[in-house]
Amino acid sequence: MLAALDELKAHDVREIDVRGRTSIADLLIIASGTSSRHVKSIADEVVKFAKRAGMVPLGVEGEDESEWVLVDLGDIIVHVMLPRVREFYGLERLWTVGDEQDADADAEAVSVG
């Protein structure tokens, strides 16, 4: 998937491992496009790449407006968004809240120890 995102120059690509946090997927991939057309093109390329790799997309949502397109590949869900939409919904913050607290606690423990 990352190759497909890279090929169409997706911005700020982030992988989030959500195993153990939800049963909907194992991995979320979040990326930004520069315009609605760019978002749609990136999502289309992800679908093509998945099909070439033998993966059947379970669904694609949001192609009409193309401000946020979700490609459901089963264990992997790819979100391609306009930057303002991405900022508004804050999926990274939603799915990494515990990670940041754990990382802060680890850093504090290291500096104290």
Protein backbone atom coordinates (compact mmCIF):
# COMPACT_ATOMS: atom_id res chain seq x y z
CA MET A 1 0.00 0.00 0.00
CA LEU A 2 2.76 2.42 0.84
CA ALA A 3 4.16 2.05 -2.69
CA ALA A 4 0.80 3.10 -4.15
CA LEU A 5 0.69 6.12 -1.85
CA ASP A 6 4.26 7.05 -2.67
CA GLU A 7 3.70 6.65 -6.41
CA LEU A 8 1.03 9.36 -6.42
CA LYS A 9 2.91 11.55 -3.96
CA ALA A 10 0.58 11.28 -0.98
CA HIS A 11 1.62 13.57 1.85
CA ASP A 12 2.21 12.87 5.54
CA VAL A 13 1.63 9.10 5.35
CA ARG A 14 1.15 7.49 8.74
CA GLU A 15 0.70 3.83 9.69
CA ILE A 16 -1.05 3.03 12.95
CA ASP A 17 -1.09 -0.50 14.35
CA VAL A 18 -4.51 -0.97 15.98
CA ARG A 19 -4.25 -4.67 16.82
CA GLY A 20 -5.60 -5.25 20.30
CA ARG A 21 -7.53 -1.95 20.26
CA THR A 22 -10.26 -2.86 17.78
CA SER A 23 -11.51 -5.79 15.79
CA ILE A 24 -12.20 -3.75 12.64
CA ALA A 25 -8.63 -3.90 11.33
CA ASP A 26 -5.00 -4.52 12.20
CA LEU A 27 -3.54 -1.48 10.51
CA LEU A 28 -4.77 2.00 9.62
CA ILE A 29 -2.94 3.98 6.98
CA ILE A 30 -3.68 7.70 6.86
CA ALA A 31 -2.46 9.98 4.08
CA SER A 32 -3.21 13.42 2.69
CA GLY A 33 -3.78 14.68 -0.82
CA THR A 34 -3.46 18.25 -2.03
CA SER A 35 -6.91 18.50 -3.65
CA SER A 36 -10.11 16.47 -4.03
CA ARG A 37 -8.85 15.21 -7.38
CA HIS A 38 -5.53 14.18 -5.81
CA VAL A 39 -7.32 12.39 -2.94
CA LYS A 40 -9.46 10.45 -5.42
CA SER A 41 -6.46 9.56 -7.59
CA ILE A 42 -4.51 8.28 -4.58
CA ALA A 43 -7.46 6.15 -3.42
CA ASP A 44 -7.93 4.77 -6.96
CA GLU A 45 -4.25 3.81 -7.06
CA VAL A 46 -4.53 2.06 -3.69
CA VAL A 47 -7.44 0.00 -5.06
CA LYS A 48 -5.48 -0.89 -8.23
CA PHE A 49 -2.40 -1.81 -6.22
CA ALA A 50 -4.45 -3.99 -3.86
CA LYS A 51 -6.08 -5.84 -6.76
CA ARG A 52 -2.69 -6.47 -8.39
CA ALA A 53 -1.50 -7.87 -5.04
CA GLY A 54 -4.47 -10.25 -4.93
CA MET A 55 -6.39 -8.31 -2.29
CA VAL A 56 -10.07 -7.65 -2.89
CA PRO A 57 -11.22 -4.28 -1.53
CA LEU A 58 -14.26 -4.79 0.69
CA GLY A 59 -15.46 -1.26 0.03
CA VAL A 60 -14.58 2.26 -0.96
CA GLU A 61 -16.42 5.20 0.60
CA GLY A 62 -16.34 8.94 -0.04
CA GLU A 63 -15.38 9.01 -3.71
CA ASP A 64 -18.18 11.42 -4.64
CA GLU A 65 -16.82 14.38 -2.67
CA SER A 66 -13.27 13.01 -2.39
CA GLU A 67 -12.47 15.03 0.71
CA TRP A 68 -12.03 11.79 2.67
CA VAL A 69 -11.87 8.47 0.84
CA LEU A 70 -11.76 5.26 2.85
CA VAL A 71 -10.52 2.06 1.23
CA ASP A 72 -11.39 -1.04 3.28
CA LEU A 73 -9.01 -3.90 2.58
CA GLY A 74 -10.09 -6.02 5.53
CA ASP A 75 -7.09 -6.08 7.87
CA ILE A 76 -5.90 -2.75 6.45
CA ILE A 77 -8.00 0.40 6.19
CA VAL A 78 -6.60 3.27 4.14
CA HIS A 79 -7.85 6.81 4.77
CA VAL A 80 -6.92 9.45 2.18
CA MET A 81 -7.97 12.96 3.20
CA LEU A 82 -7.64 16.62 2.46
CA PRO A 83 -5.40 18.21 5.13
CA ARG A 84 -8.23 20.32 6.63
CA VAL A 85 -10.48 17.25 6.94
CA ARG A 86 -7.64 15.24 8.44
CA GLU A 87 -6.95 17.95 11.00
CA PHE A 88 -10.64 18.29 11.89
CA TYR A 89 -11.22 14.58 12.55
CA GLY A 90 -7.82 13.87 14.11
CA LEU A 91 -7.72 10.13 13.51
CA GLU A 92 -4.07 9.98 14.55
CA ARG A 93 -4.93 11.48 17.95
CA LEU A 94 -7.89 9.15 18.34
CA TRP A 95 -5.90 5.97 17.70
CA THR A 96 -2.59 6.92 19.36
CA VAL A 97 -3.78 8.53 22.60
CA GLY A 98 -2.46 5.71 24.80
CA ASP A 99 0.76 5.50 22.80
CA GLU A 100 1.61 9.13 23.51
CA GLN A 101 0.91 8.75 27.22
CA ASP A 102 2.93 5.55 27.38
CA ALA A 103 5.82 7.19 25.50
CA ASP A 104 5.73 10.18 27.88
CA ALA A 105 5.72 7.88 30.91
CA ASP A 106 8.66 5.89 29.49
CA ALA A 107 10.62 9.07 28.82
CA GLU A 108 9.92 10.32 32.33
CA ALA A 109 11.00 7.00 33.87
CA VAL A 110 14.25 7.11 31.91
CA SER A 111 15.06 10.67 32.97
CA VAL A 112 14.26 9.92 36.63
CA GLY A 113 16.17 6.61 36.67
